[in-house]
């Protein structure tokens, strides 16, 4: 059974930092894109950052310059370092993997077929 398990969410003050982790088990995603999405109540999931096998990355406008996505291909994990957090970053954050794309880049939610359970990030002002 394939599982993606996030950790590292929580409550932080504006200007603070958090590091999200996502550990995959059941299969490896070395060749596949992995990403972080966010979702607010009643809203669609929106891309935060994605990274492919070659280390290419893509960030949303709001994440660019403040967040950093990274991967550990040995540990089969993806991370999101979140700095200079703002109250508007408050959301549930999900990690995702696209097992059907090898070596390419994926940046839209419907293309990802594996998802974590989500972790709440709350940024207080």
PDB file of N, CA and C in Angstrom:
ATOM      1  N   UNK A   1       0.848  -1.189   0.000  1.00  0.00           N
ATOM      2  CA  UNK A   1       0.000   0.000   0.000  1.00  0.00           C
ATOM      3  C   UNK A   1       0.884   1.241   0.000  1.00  0.00           C
ATOM      4  N   UNK A   2       0.617   2.119  -0.934  1.00  0.00           N
ATOM      5  CA  UNK A   2       1.387   3.338  -1.033  1.00  0.00           C
ATOM      6  C   UNK A   2       0.829   4.381  -0.074  1.00  0.00           C
ATOM      7  N   UNK A   3       1.707   5.001   0.668  1.00  0.00           N
ATOM      8  CA  UNK A   3       1.296   6.047   1.601  1.00  0.00           C
ATOM      9  C   UNK A   3       2.243   7.228   1.536  1.00  0.00           C
ATOM     10  N   UNK A   4       1.669   8.414   1.650  1.00  0.00           N
ATOM     11  CA  UNK A   4       2.429   9.637   1.830  1.00  0.00           C
ATOM     12  C   UNK A   4       2.003  10.201   3.176  1.00  0.00           C
ATOM     13  N   UNK A   5       2.956  10.430   4.058  1.00  0.00           N
ATOM     14  CA  UNK A   5       2.641  10.892   5.404  1.00  0.00           C
ATOM     15  C   UNK A   5       3.375  12.200   5.671  1.00  0.00           C
ATOM     16  N   UNK A   6       2.570  13.257   5.881  1.00  0.00           N
ATOM     17  CA  UNK A   6       3.145  14.576   6.158  1.00  0.00           C
ATOM     18  C   UNK A   6       3.360  14.758   7.656  1.00  0.00           C
ATOM     19  N   UNK A   7       4.292  15.624   7.985  1.00  0.00           N
ATOM     20  CA  UNK A   7       4.515  16.040   9.365  1.00  0.00           C
ATOM     21  C   UNK A   7       5.117  17.432   9.345  1.00  0.00           C
ATOM     22  N   UNK A   8       5.057  18.092  10.496  1.00  0.00           N
ATOM     23  CA  UNK A   8       5.699  19.396  10.622  1.00  0.00           C
ATOM     24  C   UNK A   8       4.766  20.582  10.644  1.00  0.00           C
ATOM     25  N   UNK A   9       3.476  20.347  10.500  1.00  0.00           N
ATOM     26  CA  UNK A   9       2.542  21.464  10.548  1.00  0.00           C
ATOM     27  C   UNK A   9       2.352  21.990  11.958  1.00  0.00           C
ATOM     28  N   UNK A  10       1.604  23.069  12.056  1.00  0.00           N
ATOM     29  CA  UNK A  10       1.331  23.614  13.373  1.00  0.00           C
ATOM     30  C   UNK A  10       1.006  25.078  13.335  1.00  0.00           C
ATOM     31  N   UNK A  11       1.107  25.700  14.513  1.00  0.00           N
ATOM     32  CA  UNK A  11       0.810  27.116  14.699  1.00  0.00           C
ATOM     33  C   UNK A  11       2.115  27.886  14.815  1.00  0.00           C
ATOM     34  N   UNK A  12       2.206  28.968  14.077  1.00  0.00           N
ATOM     35  CA  UNK A  12       3.418  29.785  14.108  1.00  0.00           C
ATOM     36  C   UNK A  12       3.015  31.252  13.965  1.00  0.00           C
ATOM     37  N   UNK A  13       3.811  32.137  14.515  1.00  0.00           N
ATOM     38  CA  UNK A  13       3.543  33.569  14.383  1.00  0.00           C
ATOM     39  C   UNK A  13       4.021  34.072  13.024  1.00  0.00           C
ATOM     40  N   UNK A  14       3.399  35.126  12.578  1.00  0.00           N
ATOM     41  CA  UNK A  14       3.811  35.745  11.317  1.00  0.00           C
ATOM     42  C   UNK A  14       5.303  36.083  11.380  1.00  0.00           C
ATOM     43  N   UNK A  15       5.982  35.800  10.265  1.00  0.00           N
ATOM     44  CA  UNK A  15       7.422  36.007  10.206  1.00  0.00           C
ATOM     45  C   UNK A  15       8.237  34.789  10.579  1.00  0.00           C
ATOM     46  N   UNK A  16       7.563  33.801  11.137  1.00  0.00           N
ATOM     47  CA  UNK A  16       8.252  32.594  11.563  1.00  0.00           C
ATOM     48  C   UNK A  16       8.453  31.597  10.436  1.00  0.00           C
ATOM     49  N   UNK A  17       8.967  30.437  10.806  1.00  0.00           N
ATOM     50  CA  UNK A  17       9.294  29.400   9.832  1.00  0.00           C
ATOM     51  C   UNK A  17       8.740  28.050  10.269  1.00  0.00           C
ATOM     52  N   UNK A  18       8.469  27.229   9.291  1.00  0.00           N
ATOM     53  CA  UNK A  18       8.099  25.834   9.520  1.00  0.00           C
ATOM     54  C   UNK A  18       8.727  24.995   8.421  1.00  0.00           C
ATOM     55  N   UNK A  19       8.986  23.741   8.733  1.00  0.00           N
ATOM     56  CA  UNK A  19       9.488  22.802   7.736  1.00  0.00           C
ATOM     57  C   UNK A  19       8.562  21.598   7.689  1.00  0.00           C
ATOM     58  N   UNK A  20       7.937  21.409   6.549  1.00  0.00           N
ATOM     59  CA  UNK A  20       7.079  20.258   6.351  1.00  0.00           C
ATOM     60  C   UNK A  20       7.878  19.104   5.759  1.00  0.00           C
ATOM     61  N   UNK A  21       7.544  17.918   6.206  1.00  0.00           N
ATOM     62  CA  UNK A  21       8.163  16.709   5.679  1.00  0.00           C
ATOM     63  C   UNK A  21       7.076  15.787   5.152  1.00  0.00           C
ATOM     64  N   UNK A  22       7.419  15.014   4.148  1.00  0.00           N
ATOM     65  CA  UNK A  22       6.492  14.035   3.583  1.00  0.00           C
ATOM     66  C   UNK A  22       7.286  12.788   3.247  1.00  0.00           C
ATOM     67  N   UNK A  23       6.976  11.707   3.936  1.00  0.00           N
ATOM     68  CA  UNK A  23       7.664  10.444   3.724  1.00  0.00           C
ATOM     69  C   UNK A  23       6.778   9.504   2.934  1.00  0.00           C
ATOM     70  N   UNK A  24       7.315   8.966   1.855  1.00  0.00           N
ATOM     71  CA  UNK A  24       6.570   8.031   1.014  1.00  0.00           C
ATOM     72  C   UNK A  24       6.981   6.605   1.330  1.00  0.00           C
ATOM     73  N   UNK A  25       6.022   5.718   1.302  1.00  0.00           N
ATOM     74  CA  UNK A  25       6.296   4.298   1.503  1.00  0.00           C
ATOM     75  C   UNK A  25       5.423   3.478   0.562  1.00  0.00           C
ATOM     76  N   UNK A  26       5.845   2.256   0.307  1.00  0.00           N
ATOM     77  CA  UNK A  26       5.077   1.373  -0.564  1.00  0.00           C
ATOM     78  C   UNK A  26       5.557   1.353  -2.003  1.00  0.00           C
ATOM     79  N   UNK A  27       6.202   2.414  -2.445  1.00  0.00           N
ATOM     80  CA  UNK A  27       6.863   2.477  -3.743  1.00  0.00           C
ATOM     81  C   UNK A  27       7.777   3.686  -3.737  1.00  0.00           C
ATOM     82  N   UNK A  28       8.714   3.705  -4.636  1.00  0.00           N
ATOM     83  CA  UNK A  28       9.619   4.839  -4.722  1.00  0.00           C
ATOM     84  C   UNK A  28       9.127   5.801  -5.801  1.00  0.00           C
ATOM     85  N   UNK A  29       9.438   7.076  -5.595  1.00  0.00           N
ATOM     86  CA  UNK A  29       9.044   8.115  -6.554  1.00  0.00           C
ATOM     87  C   UNK A  29      10.270   8.841  -7.091  1.00  0.00           C
ATOM     88  N   UNK A  30      11.384   8.137  -7.154  1.00  0.00           N
ATOM     89  CA  UNK A  30      12.641   8.758  -7.559  1.00  0.00           C
ATOM     90  C   UNK A  30      12.515   9.459  -8.908  1.00  0.00           C
ATOM     91  N   UNK A  31      11.871   8.829  -9.855  1.00  0.00           N
ATOM     92  CA  UNK A  31      11.790   9.393 -11.210  1.00  0.00           C
ATOM     93  C   UNK A  31      10.618  10.355 -11.384  1.00  0.00           C
ATOM     94  N   UNK A  32       9.799  10.468 -10.364  1.00  0.00           N
ATOM     95  CA  UNK A  32       8.519  11.154 -10.510  1.00  0.00           C
ATOM     96  C   UNK A  32       8.491  12.515  -9.828  1.00  0.00           C
ATOM     97  N   UNK A  33       7.658  13.421 -10.349  1.00  0.00           N
ATOM     98  CA  UNK A  33       7.498  14.704  -9.671  1.00  0.00           C
ATOM     99  C   UNK A  33       6.789  14.520  -8.323  1.00  0.00           C
ATOM    100  N   UNK A  34       7.211  15.306  -7.363  1.00  0.00           N
ATOM    101  CA  UNK A  34       6.515  15.404  -6.091  1.00  0.00           C
ATOM    102  C   UNK A  34       6.280  16.885  -5.811  1.00  0.00           C
ATOM    103  N   UNK A  35       5.233  17.152  -5.067  1.00  0.00           N
ATOM    104  CA  UNK A  35       4.830  18.545  -4.914  1.00  0.00           C
ATOM    105  C   UNK A  35       4.128  18.774  -3.595  1.00  0.00           C
ATOM    106  N   UNK A  36       3.933  20.049  -3.300  1.00  0.00           N
ATOM    107  CA  UNK A  36       3.131  20.496  -2.165  1.00  0.00           C
ATOM    108  C   UNK A  36       1.987  21.351  -2.690  1.00  0.00           C
ATOM    109  N   UNK A  37       0.801  21.081  -2.167  1.00  0.00           N
ATOM    110  CA  UNK A  37      -0.381  21.858  -2.479  1.00  0.00           C
ATOM    111  C   UNK A  37      -0.962  22.410  -1.185  1.00  0.00           C
ATOM    112  N   UNK A  38      -1.832  23.376  -1.319  1.00  0.00           N
ATOM    113  CA  UNK A  38      -2.560  23.913  -0.184  1.00  0.00           C
ATOM    114  C   UNK A  38      -4.046  23.963  -0.544  1.00  0.00           C
ATOM    115  N   UNK A  39      -4.857  23.900   0.486  1.00  0.00           N
ATOM    116  CA  UNK A  39      -6.295  23.956   0.253  1.00  0.00           C
ATOM    117  C   UNK A  39      -6.982  24.616   1.429  1.00  0.00           C
ATOM    118  N   UNK A  40      -7.772  25.626   1.123  1.00  0.00           N
ATOM    119  CA  UNK A  40      -8.589  26.270   2.127  1.00  0.00           C
ATOM    120  C   UNK A  40      -9.989  25.714   2.087  1.00  0.00           C
ATOM    121  N   UNK A  41     -10.750  26.016   3.106  1.00  0.00           N
ATOM    122  CA  UNK A  41     -12.120  25.499   3.209  1.00  0.00           C
ATOM    123  C   UNK A  41     -12.938  25.976   2.019  1.00  0.00           C
ATOM    124  N   UNK A  42     -13.509  25.035   1.293  1.00  0.00           N
ATOM    125  CA  UNK A  42     -14.357  25.375   0.169  1.00  0.00           C
ATOM    126  C   UNK A  42     -13.623  25.808  -1.075  1.00  0.00           C
ATOM    127  N   UNK A  43     -12.306  25.660  -1.071  1.00  0.00           N
ATOM    128  CA  UNK A  43     -11.503  26.074  -2.222  1.00  0.00           C
ATOM    129  C   UNK A  43     -10.837  24.865  -2.877  1.00  0.00           C
ATOM    130  N   UNK A  44     -10.412  25.047  -4.101  1.00  0.00           N
ATOM    131  CA  UNK A  44      -9.671  23.996  -4.787  1.00  0.00           C
ATOM    132  C   UNK A  44      -8.233  23.938  -4.277  1.00  0.00           C
ATOM    133  N   UNK A  45      -7.637  22.774  -4.450  1.00  0.00           N
ATOM    134  CA  UNK A  45      -6.230  22.641  -4.088  1.00  0.00           C
ATOM    135  C   UNK A  45      -5.377  23.443  -5.061  1.00  0.00           C
ATOM    136  N   UNK A  46      -4.444  24.168  -4.498  1.00  0.00           N
ATOM    137  CA  UNK A  46      -3.586  25.044  -5.294  1.00  0.00           C
ATOM    138  C   UNK A  46      -2.132  24.650  -5.104  1.00  0.00           C
ATOM    139  N   UNK A  47      -1.398  24.678  -6.179  1.00  0.00           N
ATOM    140  CA  UNK A  47       0.014  24.321  -6.122  1.00  0.00           C
ATOM    141  C   UNK A  47       0.800  25.327  -5.286  1.00  0.00           C
ATOM    142  N   UNK A  48       1.677  24.810  -4.452  1.00  0.00           N
ATOM    143  CA  UNK A  48       2.629  25.648  -3.723  1.00  0.00           C
ATOM    144  C   UNK A  48       4.002  25.526  -4.392  1.00  0.00           C
ATOM    145  N   UNK A  49       4.453  24.272  -4.582  1.00  0.00           N
ATOM    146  CA  UNK A  49       5.755  24.037  -5.200  1.00  0.00           C
ATOM    147  C   UNK A  49       5.820  22.613  -5.709  1.00  0.00           C
ATOM    148  N   UNK A  50       6.573  22.416  -6.770  1.00  0.00           N
ATOM    149  CA  UNK A  50       6.759  21.082  -7.323  1.00  0.00           C
ATOM    150  C   UNK A  50       8.211  20.908  -7.729  1.00  0.00           C
ATOM    151  N   UNK A  51       8.662  19.671  -7.718  1.00  0.00           N
ATOM    152  CA  UNK A  51      10.053  19.384  -8.027  1.00  0.00           C
ATOM    153  C   UNK A  51      10.136  18.052  -8.758  1.00  0.00           C
ATOM    154  N   UNK A  52      10.920  18.008  -9.833  1.00  0.00           N
ATOM    155  CA  UNK A  52      11.026  16.757 -10.560  1.00  0.00           C
ATOM    156  C   UNK A  52      12.349  16.056 -10.263  1.00  0.00           C
ATOM    157  N   UNK A  53      12.575  14.946 -10.968  1.00  0.00           N
ATOM    158  CA  UNK A  53      13.768  14.139 -10.722  1.00  0.00           C
ATOM    159  C   UNK A  53      15.043  14.934 -10.941  1.00  0.00           C
ATOM    160  N   UNK A  54      15.051  15.789 -11.934  1.00  0.00           N
ATOM    161  CA  UNK A  54      16.255  16.539 -12.254  1.00  0.00           C
ATOM    162  C   UNK A  54      16.526  17.714 -11.342  1.00  0.00           C
ATOM    163  N   UNK A  55      15.656  17.914 -10.379  1.00  0.00           N
ATOM    164  CA  UNK A  55      15.845  19.026  -9.457  1.00  0.00           C
ATOM    165  C   UNK A  55      15.222  20.320  -9.927  1.00  0.00           C
ATOM    166  N   UNK A  56      14.521  20.262 -11.036  1.00  0.00           N
ATOM    167  CA  UNK A  56      13.818  21.461 -11.497  1.00  0.00           C
ATOM    168  C   UNK A  56      12.644  21.737 -10.569  1.00  0.00           C
ATOM    169  N   UNK A  57      12.418  23.001 -10.294  1.00  0.00           N
ATOM    170  CA  UNK A  57      11.361  23.391  -9.374  1.00  0.00           C
ATOM    171  C   UNK A  57      10.466  24.448  -9.996  1.00  0.00           C
ATOM    172  N   UNK A  58       9.266  24.514  -9.459  1.00  0.00           N
ATOM    173  CA  UNK A  58       8.325  25.558  -9.859  1.00  0.00           C
ATOM    174  C   UNK A  58       7.547  25.944  -8.620  1.00  0.00           C
ATOM    175  N   UNK A  59       7.409  27.245  -8.418  1.00  0.00           N
ATOM    176  CA  UNK A  59       6.712  27.763  -7.235  1.00  0.00           C
ATOM    177  C   UNK A  59       5.540  28.637  -7.647  1.00  0.00           C
ATOM    178  N   UNK A  60       4.535  28.659  -6.792  1.00  0.00           N
ATOM    179  CA  UNK A  60       3.472  29.627  -6.978  1.00  0.00           C
ATOM    180  C   UNK A  60       4.036  31.015  -6.706  1.00  0.00           C
ATOM    181  N   UNK A  61       3.333  32.024  -7.170  1.00  0.00           N
ATOM    182  CA  UNK A  61       3.802  33.392  -6.960  1.00  0.00           C
ATOM    183  C   UNK A  61       3.931  33.702  -5.473  1.00  0.00           C
ATOM    184  N   UNK A  62       2.992  33.204  -4.675  1.00  0.00           N
ATOM    185  CA  UNK A  62       3.020  33.523  -3.247  1.00  0.00           C
ATOM    186  C   UNK A  62       4.146  32.795  -2.521  1.00  0.00           C
ATOM    187  N   UNK A  63       4.589  31.676  -3.057  1.00  0.00           N
ATOM    188  CA  UNK A  63       5.644  30.890  -2.416  1.00  0.00           C
ATOM    189  C   UNK A  63       7.039  31.296  -2.881  1.00  0.00           C
ATOM    190  N   UNK A  64       7.132  31.829  -4.062  1.00  0.00           N
ATOM    191  CA  UNK A  64       8.429  32.184  -4.639  1.00  0.00           C
ATOM    192  C   UNK A  64       9.200  33.131  -3.722  1.00  0.00           C
ATOM    193  N   UNK A  65      10.432  32.753  -3.422  1.00  0.00           N
ATOM    194  CA  UNK A  65      11.287  33.588  -2.590  1.00  0.00           C
ATOM    195  C   UNK A  65      11.141  33.373  -1.098  1.00  0.00           C
ATOM    196  N   UNK A  66      10.083  32.697  -0.665  1.00  0.00           N
ATOM    197  CA  UNK A  66       9.884  32.449   0.767  1.00  0.00           C
ATOM    198  C   UNK A  66       9.930  30.963   1.105  1.00  0.00           C
ATOM    199  N   UNK A  67       9.490  30.124   0.187  1.00  0.00           N
ATOM    200  CA  UNK A  67       9.438  28.682   0.438  1.00  0.00           C
ATOM    201  C   UNK A  67      10.467  27.979  -0.436  1.00  0.00           C
ATOM    202  N   UNK A  68      10.964  26.834   0.061  1.00  0.00           N
ATOM    203  CA  UNK A  68      11.915  26.038  -0.697  1.00  0.00           C
ATOM    204  C   UNK A  68      11.521  24.572  -0.639  1.00  0.00           C
ATOM    205  N   UNK A  69      11.331  23.991  -1.800  1.00  0.00           N
ATOM    206  CA  UNK A  69      11.039  22.560  -1.876  1.00  0.00           C
ATOM    207  C   UNK A  69      12.339  21.804  -2.081  1.00  0.00           C
ATOM    208  N   UNK A  70      12.447  20.650  -1.438  1.00  0.00           N
ATOM    209  CA  UNK A  70      13.632  19.811  -1.615  1.00  0.00           C
ATOM    210  C   UNK A  70      13.213  18.353  -1.498  1.00  0.00           C
ATOM    211  N   UNK A  71      14.097  17.485  -1.959  1.00  0.00           N
ATOM    212  CA  UNK A  71      13.794  16.057  -1.911  1.00  0.00           C
ATOM    213  C   UNK A  71      15.018  15.284  -1.449  1.00  0.00           C
ATOM    214  N   UNK A  72      14.741  14.183  -0.798  1.00  0.00           N
ATOM    215  CA  UNK A  72      15.769  13.210  -0.444  1.00  0.00           C
ATOM    216  C   UNK A  72      15.391  11.931  -1.165  1.00  0.00           C
ATOM    217  N   UNK A  73      16.122  11.619  -2.247  1.00  0.00           N
ATOM    218  CA  UNK A  73      15.745  10.476  -3.077  1.00  0.00           C
ATOM    219  C   UNK A  73      16.067   9.155  -2.396  1.00  0.00           C
ATOM    220  N   UNK A  74      16.996   9.160  -1.473  1.00  0.00           N
ATOM    221  CA  UNK A  74      17.313   7.948  -0.711  1.00  0.00           C
ATOM    222  C   UNK A  74      16.196   7.657   0.280  1.00  0.00           C
ATOM    223  N   UNK A  75      15.735   8.692   0.955  1.00  0.00           N
ATOM    224  CA  UNK A  75      14.668   8.517   1.945  1.00  0.00           C
ATOM    225  C   UNK A  75      13.274   8.521   1.312  1.00  0.00           C
ATOM    226  N   UNK A  76      13.203   8.801  -0.005  1.00  0.00           N
ATOM    227  CA  UNK A  76      11.897   8.812  -0.679  1.00  0.00           C
ATOM    228  C   UNK A  76      10.978   9.855  -0.044  1.00  0.00           C
ATOM    229  N   UNK A  77      11.525  11.040   0.152  1.00  0.00           N
ATOM    230  CA  UNK A  77      10.815  12.083   0.889  1.00  0.00           C
ATOM    231  C   UNK A  77      10.897  13.418   0.156  1.00  0.00           C
ATOM    232  N   UNK A  78       9.943  14.273   0.481  1.00  0.00           N
ATOM    233  CA  UNK A  78       9.938  15.636  -0.028  1.00  0.00           C
ATOM    234  C   UNK A  78       9.698  16.577   1.137  1.00  0.00           C
ATOM    235  N   UNK A  79      10.294  17.759   1.073  1.00  0.00           N
ATOM    236  CA  UNK A  79      10.228  18.717   2.163  1.00  0.00           C
ATOM    237  C   UNK A  79       9.794  20.084   1.636  1.00  0.00           C
ATOM    238  N   UNK A  80       9.261  20.885   2.531  1.00  0.00           N
ATOM    239  CA  UNK A  80       8.930  22.266   2.197  1.00  0.00           C
ATOM    240  C   UNK A  80       9.385  23.153   3.345  1.00  0.00           C
ATOM    241  N   UNK A  81      10.423  23.914   3.116  1.00  0.00           N
ATOM    242  CA  UNK A  81      10.873  24.899   4.082  1.00  0.00           C
ATOM    243  C   UNK A  81      10.089  26.180   3.850  1.00  0.00           C
ATOM    244  N   UNK A  82       9.385  26.624   4.870  1.00  0.00           N
ATOM    245  CA  UNK A  82       8.511  27.787   4.759  1.00  0.00           C
ATOM    246  C   UNK A  82       9.059  28.876   5.664  1.00  0.00           C
ATOM    247  N   UNK A  83       9.524  29.958   5.092  1.00  0.00           N
ATOM    248  CA  UNK A  83      10.077  31.080   5.837  1.00  0.00           C
ATOM    249  C   UNK A  83       9.218  32.322   5.631  1.00  0.00           C
ATOM    250  N   UNK A  84       9.400  33.282   6.516  1.00  0.00           N
ATOM    251  CA  UNK A  84       8.662  34.549   6.423  1.00  0.00           C
ATOM    252  C   UNK A  84       7.171  34.306   6.254  1.00  0.00           C
ATOM    253  N   UNK A  85       6.644  33.456   7.091  1.00  0.00           N
ATOM    254  CA  UNK A  85       5.244  33.069   6.964  1.00  0.00           C
ATOM    255  C   UNK A  85       4.312  34.241   7.233  1.00  0.00           C
ATOM    256  N   UNK A  86       3.198  34.233   6.519  1.00  0.00           N
ATOM    257  CA  UNK A  86       2.195  35.283   6.635  1.00  0.00           C
ATOM    258  C   UNK A  86       0.854  34.648   7.028  1.00  0.00           C
ATOM    259  N   UNK A  87      -0.031  35.423   7.636  1.00  0.00           N
ATOM    260  CA  UNK A  87      -1.350  34.868   7.982  1.00  0.00           C
ATOM    261  C   UNK A  87      -2.079  34.265   6.777  1.00  0.00           C
ATOM    262  N   UNK A  88      -1.866  34.832   5.613  1.00  0.00           N
ATOM    263  CA  UNK A  88      -2.541  34.306   4.417  1.00  0.00           C
ATOM    264  C   UNK A  88      -1.979  32.975   3.946  1.00  0.00           C
ATOM    265  N   UNK A  89      -0.915  32.497   4.574  1.00  0.00           N
ATOM    266  CA  UNK A  89      -0.403  31.152   4.279  1.00  0.00           C
ATOM    267  C   UNK A  89      -1.184  30.072   5.031  1.00  0.00           C
ATOM    268  N   UNK A  90      -2.060  30.485   5.917  1.00  0.00           N
ATOM    269  CA  UNK A  90      -2.851  29.541   6.689  1.00  0.00           C
ATOM    270  C   UNK A  90      -3.712  28.680   5.773  1.00  0.00           C
ATOM    271  N   UNK A  91      -3.567  27.363   5.906  1.00  0.00           N
ATOM    272  CA  UNK A  91      -4.291  26.421   5.070  1.00  0.00           C
ATOM    273  C   UNK A  91      -3.913  25.001   5.501  1.00  0.00           C
ATOM    274  N   UNK A  92      -4.555  24.025   4.884  1.00  0.00           N
ATOM    275  CA  UNK A  92      -4.097  22.648   4.990  1.00  0.00           C
ATOM    276  C   UNK A  92      -3.151  22.392   3.815  1.00  0.00           C
ATOM    277  N   UNK A  93      -2.002  21.832   4.122  1.00  0.00           N
ATOM    278  CA  UNK A  93      -0.985  21.572   3.108  1.00  0.00           C
ATOM    279  C   UNK A  93      -0.876  20.067   2.863  1.00  0.00           C
ATOM    280  N   UNK A  94      -0.806  19.713   1.591  1.00  0.00           N
ATOM    281  CA  UNK A  94      -0.749  18.315   1.183  1.00  0.00           C
ATOM    282  C   UNK A  94       0.496  18.068   0.341  1.00  0.00           C
ATOM    283  N   UNK A  95       1.127  16.927   0.546  1.00  0.00           N
ATOM    284  CA  UNK A  95       2.146  16.513  -0.398  1.00  0.00           C
ATOM    285  C   UNK A  95       1.501  15.563  -1.410  1.00  0.00           C
ATOM    286  N   UNK A  96       2.107  15.488  -2.577  1.00  0.00           N
ATOM    287  CA  UNK A  96       1.541  14.694  -3.662  1.00  0.00           C
ATOM    288  C   UNK A  96       2.659  14.146  -4.533  1.00  0.00           C
ATOM    289  N   UNK A  97       2.364  13.017  -5.195  1.00  0.00           N
ATOM    290  CA  UNK A  97       3.310  12.406  -6.114  1.00  0.00           C
ATOM    291  C   UNK A  97       2.575  11.985  -7.381  1.00  0.00           C
ATOM    292  N   UNK A  98       3.235  12.156  -8.504  1.00  0.00           N
ATOM    293  CA  UNK A  98       2.675  11.778  -9.803  1.00  0.00           C
ATOM    294  C   UNK A  98       3.445  10.573 -10.321  1.00  0.00           C
ATOM    295  N   UNK A  99       2.884   9.383 -10.118  1.00  0.00           N
ATOM    296  CA  UNK A  99       3.575   8.148 -10.497  1.00  0.00           C
ATOM    297  C   UNK A  99       3.559   7.910 -11.996  1.00  0.00           C
ATOM    298  N   UNK A 100       2.746   8.678 -12.726  1.00  0.00           N
ATOM    299  CA  UNK A 100       2.577   8.397 -14.158  1.00  0.00           C
ATOM    300  C   UNK A 100       3.494   9.248 -15.030  1.00  0.00           C
ATOM    301  N   UNK A 101       4.266  10.138 -14.409  1.00  0.00           N
ATOM    302  CA  UNK A 101       5.193  10.980 -15.158  1.00  0.00           C
ATOM    303  C   UNK A 101       6.612  10.643 -14.734  1.00  0.00           C
ATOM    304  N   UNK A 102       7.413  10.214 -15.685  1.00  0.00           N
ATOM    305  CA  UNK A 102       8.816   9.919 -15.407  1.00  0.00           C
ATOM    306  C   UNK A 102       9.681  11.072 -15.904  1.00  0.00           C
ATOM    307  N   UNK A 103      10.471  11.608 -14.988  1.00  0.00           N
ATOM    308  CA  UNK A 103      11.476  12.629 -15.294  1.00  0.00           C
ATOM    309  C   UNK A 103      10.897  13.989 -15.681  1.00  0.00           C
ATOM    310  N   UNK A 104       9.605  14.061 -15.898  1.00  0.00           N
ATOM    311  CA  UNK A 104       9.029  15.328 -16.301  1.00  0.00           C
ATOM    312  C   UNK A 104       8.593  16.159 -15.122  1.00  0.00           C
ATOM    313  N   UNK A 105       7.881  17.230 -15.426  1.00  0.00           N
ATOM    314  CA  UNK A 105       7.404  18.155 -14.408  1.00  0.00           C
ATOM    315  C   UNK A 105       5.877  18.165 -14.433  1.00  0.00           C
ATOM    316  N   UNK A 106       5.289  18.159 -13.270  1.00  0.00           N
ATOM    317  CA  UNK A 106       3.834  18.218 -13.159  1.00  0.00           C
ATOM    318  C   UNK A 106       3.491  19.319 -12.170  1.00  0.00           C
ATOM    319  N   UNK A 107       2.480  20.121 -12.510  1.00  0.00           N
ATOM    320  CA  UNK A 107       2.152  21.218 -11.615  1.00  0.00           C
ATOM    321  C   UNK A 107       0.659  21.433 -11.427  1.00  0.00           C
ATOM    322  N   UNK A 108      -0.163  20.484 -11.826  1.00  0.00           N
ATOM    323  CA  UNK A 108      -1.597  20.615 -11.642  1.00  0.00           C
ATOM    324  C   UNK A 108      -2.123  19.437 -10.840  1.00  0.00           C
ATOM    325  N   UNK A 109      -3.055  19.725  -9.934  1.00  0.00           N
ATOM    326  CA  UNK A 109      -3.520  18.720  -8.984  1.00  0.00           C
ATOM    327  C   UNK A 109      -4.054  17.451  -9.636  1.00  0.00           C
ATOM    328  N   UNK A 110      -4.858  17.530 -10.698  1.00  0.00           N
ATOM    329  CA  UNK A 110      -5.430  16.289 -11.269  1.00  0.00           C
ATOM    330  C   UNK A 110      -4.385  15.307 -11.786  1.00  0.00           C
ATOM    331  N   UNK A 111      -3.179  15.770 -12.048  1.00  0.00           N
ATOM    332  CA  UNK A 111      -2.138  14.889 -12.571  1.00  0.00           C
ATOM    333  C   UNK A 111      -1.462  14.073 -11.462  1.00  0.00           C
ATOM    334  N   UNK A 112      -1.664  14.446 -10.221  1.00  0.00           N
ATOM    335  CA  UNK A 112      -1.039  13.724  -9.113  1.00  0.00           C
ATOM    336  C   UNK A 112      -1.990  12.631  -8.631  1.00  0.00           C
ATOM    337  N   UNK A 113      -1.473  11.416  -8.505  1.00  0.00           N
ATOM    338  CA  UNK A 113      -2.335  10.298  -8.149  1.00  0.00           C
ATOM    339  C   UNK A 113      -2.131   9.773  -6.748  1.00  0.00           C
ATOM    340  N   UNK A 114      -1.152  10.290  -6.046  1.00  0.00           N
ATOM    341  CA  UNK A 114      -0.962   9.921  -4.646  1.00  0.00           C
ATOM    342  C   UNK A 114      -0.915  11.189  -3.798  1.00  0.00           C
ATOM    343  N   UNK A 115      -1.630  11.143  -2.669  1.00  0.00           N
ATOM    344  CA  UNK A 115      -1.750  12.311  -1.808  1.00  0.00           C
ATOM    345  C   UNK A 115      -1.566  11.917  -0.351  1.00  0.00           C
ATOM    346  N   UNK A 116      -0.989  12.828   0.400  1.00  0.00           N
ATOM    347  CA  UNK A 116      -0.950  12.660   1.833  1.00  0.00           C
ATOM    348  C   UNK A 116      -2.265  13.069   2.455  1.00  0.00           C
ATOM    349  N   UNK A 117      -2.319  12.949   3.766  1.00  0.00           N
ATOM    350  CA  UNK A 117      -3.566  13.217   4.488  1.00  0.00           C
ATOM    351  C   UNK A 117      -3.748  14.699   4.785  1.00  0.00           C
ATOM    352  N   UNK A 118      -2.687  15.471   4.621  1.00  0.00           N
ATOM    353  CA  UNK A 118      -2.761  16.903   4.884  1.00  0.00           C
ATOM    354  C   UNK A 118      -2.292  17.260   6.279  1.00  0.00           C
ATOM    355  N   UNK A 119      -1.711  18.447   6.387  1.00  0.00           N
ATOM    356  CA  UNK A 119      -1.277  18.964   7.675  1.00  0.00           C
ATOM    357  C   UNK A 119      -1.648  20.436   7.758  1.00  0.00           C
ATOM    358  N   UNK A 120      -2.206  20.838   8.896  1.00  0.00           N
ATOM    359  CA  UNK A 120      -2.688  22.202   9.066  1.00  0.00           C
ATOM    360  C   UNK A 120      -1.542  23.142   9.386  1.00  0.00           C
ATOM    361  N   UNK A 121      -1.496  24.246   8.663  1.00  0.00           N
ATOM    362  CA  UNK A 121      -0.585  25.346   8.970  1.00  0.00           C
ATOM    363  C   UNK A 121      -1.433  26.553   9.350  1.00  0.00           C
ATOM    364  N   UNK A 122      -1.194  27.087  10.524  1.00  0.00           N
ATOM    365  CA  UNK A 122      -1.896  28.276  10.976  1.00  0.00           C
ATOM    366  C   UNK A 122      -0.870  29.336  11.345  1.00  0.00           C
ATOM    367  N   UNK A 123      -0.970  30.490  10.695  1.00  0.00           N
ATOM    368  CA  UNK A 123      -0.044  31.587  10.947  1.00  0.00           C
ATOM    369  C   UNK A 123      -0.818  32.711  11.618  1.00  0.00           C
ATOM    370  N   UNK A 124      -0.429  33.028  12.819  1.00  0.00           N
ATOM    371  CA  UNK A 124      -1.118  34.080  13.572  1.00  0.00           C
ATOM    372  C   UNK A 124      -0.447  35.431  13.321  1.00  0.00           C
ATOM    373  N   UNK A 125      -1.264  36.462  13.365  1.00  0.00           N
ATOM    374  CA  UNK A 125      -0.730  37.818  13.111  1.00  0.00           C
ATOM    375  C   UNK A 125      -0.251  38.479  14.383  1.00  0.00           C
TER     376      UNK A 125
END
